[in-house]
C-alpha atoms as a PDB file:
ATOM      1  CA  UNK A   1     -63.180   9.252  34.012  1.00  0.00           C
ATOM      2  CA  UNK A   2     -60.685   8.729  31.196  1.00  0.00           C
ATOM      3  CA  UNK A   3     -58.729  12.535  30.708  1.00  0.00           C
ATOM      4  CA  UNK A   4     -59.893  14.858  28.048  1.00  0.00           C
ATOM      5  CA  UNK A   5     -58.217  16.439  25.737  1.00  0.00           C
ATOM      6  CA  UNK A   6     -59.789  20.269  25.306  1.00  0.00           C
ATOM      7  CA  UNK A   7     -59.136  20.859  21.660  1.00  0.00           C
ATOM      8  CA  UNK A   8     -60.844  24.795  21.576  1.00  0.00           C
ATOM      9  CA  UNK A   9     -57.780  26.182  19.266  1.00  0.00           C
ATOM     10  CA  UNK A  10     -58.211  28.539  16.141  1.00  0.00           C
ATOM     11  CA  UNK A  11     -59.148  26.706  12.900  1.00  0.00           C
ATOM     12  CA  UNK A  12     -56.127  28.379  10.627  1.00  0.00           C
ATOM     13  CA  UNK A  13     -53.719  26.191  11.903  1.00  0.00           C
ATOM     14  CA  UNK A  14     -52.417  23.017   9.642  1.00  0.00           C
ATOM     15  CA  UNK A  15     -54.340  20.542  10.063  1.00  0.00           C
ATOM     16  CA  UNK A  16     -52.273  17.967   9.450  1.00  0.00           C
ATOM     17  CA  UNK A  17     -49.511  19.116  12.669  1.00  0.00           C
ATOM     18  CA  UNK A  18     -53.105  19.499  14.272  1.00  0.00           C
ATOM     19  CA  UNK A  19     -53.399  16.053  14.085  1.00  0.00           C
ATOM     20  CA  UNK A  20     -50.411  14.646  15.000  1.00  0.00           C
ATOM     21  CA  UNK A  21     -49.692  16.575  17.964  1.00  0.00           C
ATOM     22  CA  UNK A  22     -53.376  15.231  19.594  1.00  0.00           C
ATOM     23  CA  UNK A  23     -52.189  11.573  18.214  1.00  0.00           C
ATOM     24  CA  UNK A  24     -48.996  12.290  20.258  1.00  0.00           C
ATOM     25  CA  UNK A  25     -50.719  13.535  23.416  1.00  0.00           C
ATOM     26  CA  UNK A  26     -53.368  10.929  23.360  1.00  0.00           C
ATOM     27  CA  UNK A  27     -50.778   8.341  23.022  1.00  0.00           C
ATOM     28  CA  UNK A  28     -49.125   9.823  25.858  1.00  0.00           C
ATOM     29  CA  UNK A  29     -52.110   9.895  28.290  1.00  0.00           C
ATOM     30  CA  UNK A  30     -53.101   6.639  27.182  1.00  0.00           C
ATOM     31  CA  UNK A  31     -49.816   5.192  28.056  1.00  0.00           C
ATOM     32  CA  UNK A  32     -49.778   7.154  31.619  1.00  0.00           C
ATOM     33  CA  UNK A  33     -53.591   6.254  32.693  1.00  0.00           C
ATOM     34  CA  UNK A  34     -54.138   3.191  30.934  1.00  0.00           C
ATOM     35  CA  UNK A  35     -57.063   3.994  28.852  1.00  0.00           C
ATOM     36  CA  UNK A  36     -57.828   6.687  25.748  1.00  0.00           C
ATOM     37  CA  UNK A  37     -58.968  10.025  26.559  1.00  0.00           C
ATOM     38  CA  UNK A  38     -61.744  11.772  25.574  1.00  0.00           C
ATOM     39  CA  UNK A  39     -61.875  14.337  22.998  1.00  0.00           C
ATOM     40  CA  UNK A  40     -63.673  17.497  23.709  1.00  0.00           C
ATOM     41  CA  UNK A  41     -63.867  20.094  21.073  1.00  0.00           C
ATOM     42  CA  UNK A  42     -66.486  22.855  19.298  1.00  0.00           C
ATOM     43  CA  UNK A  43     -68.130  22.099  15.541  1.00  0.00           C
ATOM     44  CA  UNK A  44     -65.838  24.605  14.255  1.00  0.00           C
ATOM     45  CA  UNK A  45     -62.220  22.363  15.679  1.00  0.00           C
ATOM     46  CA  UNK A  46     -64.284  19.340  14.911  1.00  0.00           C
ATOM     47  CA  UNK A  47     -65.021  20.430  11.647  1.00  0.00           C
ATOM     48  CA  UNK A  48     -61.402  21.491  11.408  1.00  0.00           C
ATOM     49  CA  UNK A  49     -59.125  18.827  12.961  1.00  0.00           C
ATOM     50  CA  UNK A  50     -61.553  15.809  13.788  1.00  0.00           C
ATOM     51  CA  UNK A  51     -63.510  15.083  11.222  1.00  0.00           C
ATOM     52  CA  UNK A  52     -62.983  11.741   9.841  1.00  0.00           C
ATOM     53  CA  UNK A  53     -60.253  10.757  12.180  1.00  0.00           C
ATOM     54  CA  UNK A  54     -60.224   9.871  15.829  1.00  0.00           C
ATOM     55  CA  UNK A  55     -62.958   7.140  15.124  1.00  0.00           C
ATOM     56  CA  UNK A  56     -61.723   5.259  18.457  1.00  0.00           C
ATOM     57  CA  UNK A  57     -62.134   8.367  20.654  1.00  0.00           C
ATOM     58  CA  UNK A  58     -65.228   9.257  22.867  1.00  0.00           C
ATOM     59  CA  UNK A  59     -66.095  12.574  21.806  1.00  0.00           C
ATOM     60  CA  UNK A  60     -67.245  15.305  24.197  1.00  0.00           C
ATOM     61  CA  UNK A  61     -69.095  18.135  22.220  1.00  0.00           C
ATOM     62  CA  UNK A  62     -70.325  21.206  22.499  1.00  0.00           C
ATOM     63  CA  UNK A  63     -73.682  22.532  22.094  1.00  0.00           C
ATOM     64  CA  UNK A  64     -75.938  24.726  23.637  1.00  0.00           C
ATOM     65  CA  UNK A  65     -78.444  25.411  21.403  1.00  0.00           C
ATOM     66  CA  UNK A  66     -79.205  21.896  20.143  1.00  0.00           C
ATOM     67  CA  UNK A  67     -78.712  18.459  20.366  1.00  0.00           C
ATOM     68  CA  UNK A  68     -75.454  17.858  19.123  1.00  0.00           C
ATOM     69  CA  UNK A  69     -74.936  16.006  15.357  1.00  0.00           C
ATOM     70  CA  UNK A  70     -71.549  15.018  14.013  1.00  0.00           C
ATOM     71  CA  UNK A  71     -71.839  13.019  10.589  1.00  0.00           C
ATOM     72  CA  UNK A  72     -69.564  10.128  11.190  1.00  0.00           C
ATOM     73  CA  UNK A  73     -69.953   9.468  14.595  1.00  0.00           C
ATOM     74  CA  UNK A  74     -71.931   9.335  18.191  1.00  0.00           C
ATOM     75  CA  UNK A  75     -70.893  11.430  21.620  1.00  0.00           C
ATOM     76  CA  UNK A  76     -70.444  10.271  24.902  1.00  0.00           C
ATOM     77  CA  UNK A  77     -70.863  13.617  26.445  1.00  0.00           C
ATOM     78  CA  UNK A  78     -72.665  16.990  25.195  1.00  0.00           C
ATOM     79  CA  UNK A  79     -72.392  20.086  27.205  1.00  0.00           C
ATOM     80  CA  UNK A  80     -75.279  21.618  26.345  1.00  0.00           C
ATOM     81  CA  UNK A  81     -75.092  24.850  28.837  1.00  0.00           C
ATOM     82  CA  UNK A  82     -72.160  27.282  30.066  1.00  0.00           C
ATOM     83  CA  UNK A  83     -73.844  28.976  32.101  1.00  0.00           C
ATOM     84  CA  UNK A  84     -75.792  26.258  34.443  1.00  0.00           C
ATOM     85  CA  UNK A  85     -76.249  27.088  37.889  1.00  0.00           C
ATOM     86  CA  UNK A  86     -74.889  24.543  41.063  1.00  0.00           C
ATOM     87  CA  UNK A  87     -76.032  24.660  44.775  1.00  0.00           C
ATOM     88  CA  UNK A  88     -72.389  25.672  46.766  1.00  0.00           C
ATOM     89  CA  UNK A  89     -70.729  27.642  43.381  1.00  0.00           C
ATOM     90  CA  UNK A  90     -71.013  31.092  42.980  1.00  0.00           C
ATOM     91  CA  UNK A  91     -70.411  31.374  39.371  1.00  0.00           C
ATOM     92  CA  UNK A  92     -71.324  29.762  36.449  1.00  0.00           C
ATOM     93  CA  UNK A  93     -70.823  26.410  35.994  1.00  0.00           C
ATOM     94  CA  UNK A  94     -71.044  23.981  32.623  1.00  0.00           C
ATOM     95  CA  UNK A  95     -73.952  21.530  32.466  1.00  0.00           C
ATOM     96  CA  UNK A  96     -73.261  18.154  30.623  1.00  0.00           C
ATOM     97  CA  UNK A  97     -75.467  14.901  29.805  1.00  0.00           C
ATOM     98  CA  UNK A  98     -73.698  11.534  29.508  1.00  0.00           C
ATOM     99  CA  UNK A  99     -75.110   9.192  26.943  1.00  0.00           C
ATOM    100  CA  UNK A 100     -75.035   6.228  28.422  1.00  0.00           C
ATOM    101  CA  UNK A 101     -75.868   4.144  31.431  1.00  0.00           C
ATOM    102  CA  UNK A 102     -74.667   3.689  34.843  1.00  0.00           C
ATOM    103  CA  UNK A 103     -73.034  -0.170  33.457  1.00  0.00           C
ATOM    104  CA  UNK A 104     -71.390   2.264  30.506  1.00  0.00           C
ATOM    105  CA  UNK A 105     -69.992   5.012  33.092  1.00  0.00           C
ATOM    106  CA  UNK A 106     -68.693   2.146  34.971  1.00  0.00           C
ATOM    107  CA  UNK A 107     -67.139   0.708  32.481  1.00  0.00           C
ATOM    108  CA  UNK A 108     -65.259   4.204  31.070  1.00  0.00           C
ATOM    109  CA  UNK A 109     -63.556   4.207  35.124  1.00  0.00           C
ATOM    110  CA  UNK A 110     -61.712   0.982  34.696  1.00  0.00           C
ATOM    111  CA  UNK A 111     -58.151   1.036  33.485  1.00  0.00           C
ATOM    112  CA  UNK A 112     -56.267  -1.600  31.085  1.00  0.00           C
ATOM    113  CA  UNK A 113     -53.669  -1.954  33.906  1.00  0.00           C
END
Protein backbone atom coordinates (compact mmCIF):
# COMPACT_ATOMS: atom_id res chain seq x y z
CA UNK A 1 0.00 0.00 0.00
CA UNK A 2 1.10 3.57 -0.47
CA UNK A 3 2.22 5.58 2.51
CA UNK A 4 -0.37 7.64 4.36
CA UNK A 5 -0.41 11.23 5.57
CA UNK A 6 -2.66 11.47 8.62
CA UNK A 7 -4.09 15.00 8.70
CA UNK A 8 -5.82 15.17 12.05
CA UNK A 9 -4.84 18.55 13.41
CA UNK A 10 -6.61 21.56 14.86
CA UNK A 11 -8.35 23.63 12.24
CA UNK A 12 -7.06 27.00 13.43
CA UNK A 13 -3.71 26.83 11.62
CA UNK A 14 -2.90 28.88 8.53
CA UNK A 15 -4.42 26.82 5.66
CA UNK A 16 -1.76 27.89 3.16
CA UNK A 17 1.06 26.87 5.49
CA UNK A 18 -0.57 23.50 6.20
CA UNK A 19 -1.10 22.87 2.47
CA UNK A 20 2.55 23.69 1.76
CA UNK A 21 3.65 21.28 4.51
CA UNK A 22 1.39 18.55 3.11
CA UNK A 23 2.75 19.15 -0.41
CA UNK A 24 6.33 18.98 0.84
CA UNK A 25 5.79 15.79 2.83
CA UNK A 26 3.82 14.20 -0.01
CA UNK A 27 6.64 14.93 -2.47
CA UNK A 28 9.25 13.42 -0.13
CA UNK A 29 7.15 10.29 0.36
CA UNK A 30 6.45 9.92 -3.36
CA UNK A 31 10.13 10.38 -4.21
CA UNK A 32 11.14 7.77 -1.64
CA UNK A 33 8.43 5.14 -2.18
CA UNK A 34 7.69 5.70 -5.85
CA UNK A 35 3.99 6.39 -5.43
CA UNK A 36 1.75 9.14 -4.17
CA UNK A 37 0.72 8.85 -0.54
CA UNK A 38 -2.91 8.60 0.50
CA UNK A 39 -4.36 11.50 2.51
CA UNK A 40 -6.30 10.53 5.65
CA UNK A 41 -8.56 13.07 7.32
CA UNK A 42 -11.74 13.89 9.17
CA UNK A 43 -14.39 16.22 7.77
CA UNK A 44 -13.01 19.07 9.90
CA UNK A 45 -9.51 18.83 8.44
CA UNK A 46 -10.93 18.17 4.96
CA UNK A 47 -12.98 21.38 5.09
CA UNK A 48 -10.16 23.44 6.62
CA UNK A 49 -7.20 22.27 4.54
CA UNK A 50 -7.99 19.76 1.78
CA UNK A 51 -11.25 20.72 0.08
CA UNK A 52 -10.51 22.11 -3.38
CA UNK A 53 -6.86 21.00 -3.23
CA UNK A 54 -4.87 17.78 -3.65
CA UNK A 55 -7.20 16.33 -6.28
CA UNK A 56 -4.40 14.11 -7.57
CA UNK A 57 -4.25 12.17 -4.28
CA UNK A 58 -6.39 9.26 -3.13
CA UNK A 59 -8.18 9.88 0.13
CA UNK A 60 -9.08 7.91 3.23
CA UNK A 61 -11.97 9.50 5.14
CA UNK A 62 -13.15 8.87 8.70
CA UNK A 63 -16.92 8.89 9.23
CA UNK A 64 -18.22 6.58 11.94
CA UNK A 65 -21.86 7.70 11.54
CA UNK A 66 -22.76 7.42 7.85
CA UNK A 67 -21.27 6.68 4.42
CA UNK A 68 -18.84 9.46 3.53
CA UNK A 69 -19.63 12.35 1.24
CA UNK A 70 -17.00 14.73 -0.09
CA UNK A 71 -18.35 17.44 -2.36
CA UNK A 72 -15.32 17.61 -4.66
CA UNK A 73 -14.07 14.01 -4.90
CA UNK A 74 -14.57 10.34 -4.25
CA UNK A 75 -12.81 8.29 -1.60
CA UNK A 76 -10.53 5.27 -1.70
CA UNK A 77 -10.85 4.05 1.89
CA UNK A 78 -13.53 4.75 4.47
CA UNK A 79 -12.95 4.28 8.18
CA UNK A 80 -16.45 3.49 9.39
CA UNK A 81 -15.70 2.22 12.89
CA UNK A 82 -13.13 3.06 15.53
CA UNK A 83 -14.30 0.52 18.10
CA UNK A 84 -14.10 -2.68 16.08
CA UNK A 85 -13.03 -6.07 17.34
CA UNK A 86 -10.60 -8.43 15.65
CA UNK A 87 -9.70 -11.90 16.88
CA UNK A 88 -6.27 -11.85 18.48
CA UNK A 89 -6.29 -8.15 19.37
CA UNK A 90 -7.35 -7.29 22.91
CA UNK A 91 -8.30 -3.67 22.29
CA UNK A 92 -10.51 -1.71 19.92
CA UNK A 93 -9.32 -1.32 16.32
CA UNK A 94 -10.34 0.87 13.41
CA UNK A 95 -12.40 -0.90 10.75
CA UNK A 96 -12.20 0.30 7.15
CA UNK A 97 -13.58 -0.51 3.73
CA UNK A 98 -11.76 -0.25 0.39
CA UNK A 99 -13.65 1.40 -2.47
CA UNK A 100 -12.60 -0.90 -5.28
CA UNK A 101 -11.94 -4.41 -6.42
CA UNK A 102 -8.92 -6.69 -6.06
CA UNK A 103 -7.37 -5.40 -9.31
CA UNK A 104 -7.52 -1.82 -8.02
CA UNK A 105 -5.94 -2.89 -4.73
CA UNK A 106 -3.12 -4.71 -6.54
CA UNK A 107 -2.52 -1.65 -8.75
CA UNK A 108 -2.06 0.46 -5.62
CA UNK A 109 0.82 -1.75 -4.48
CA UNK A 110 2.88 -1.22 -7.64
CA UNK A 111 5.67 1.34 -7.59
CA UNK A 112 6.93 3.61 -10.37
CA UNK A 113 10.56 2.54 -9.78
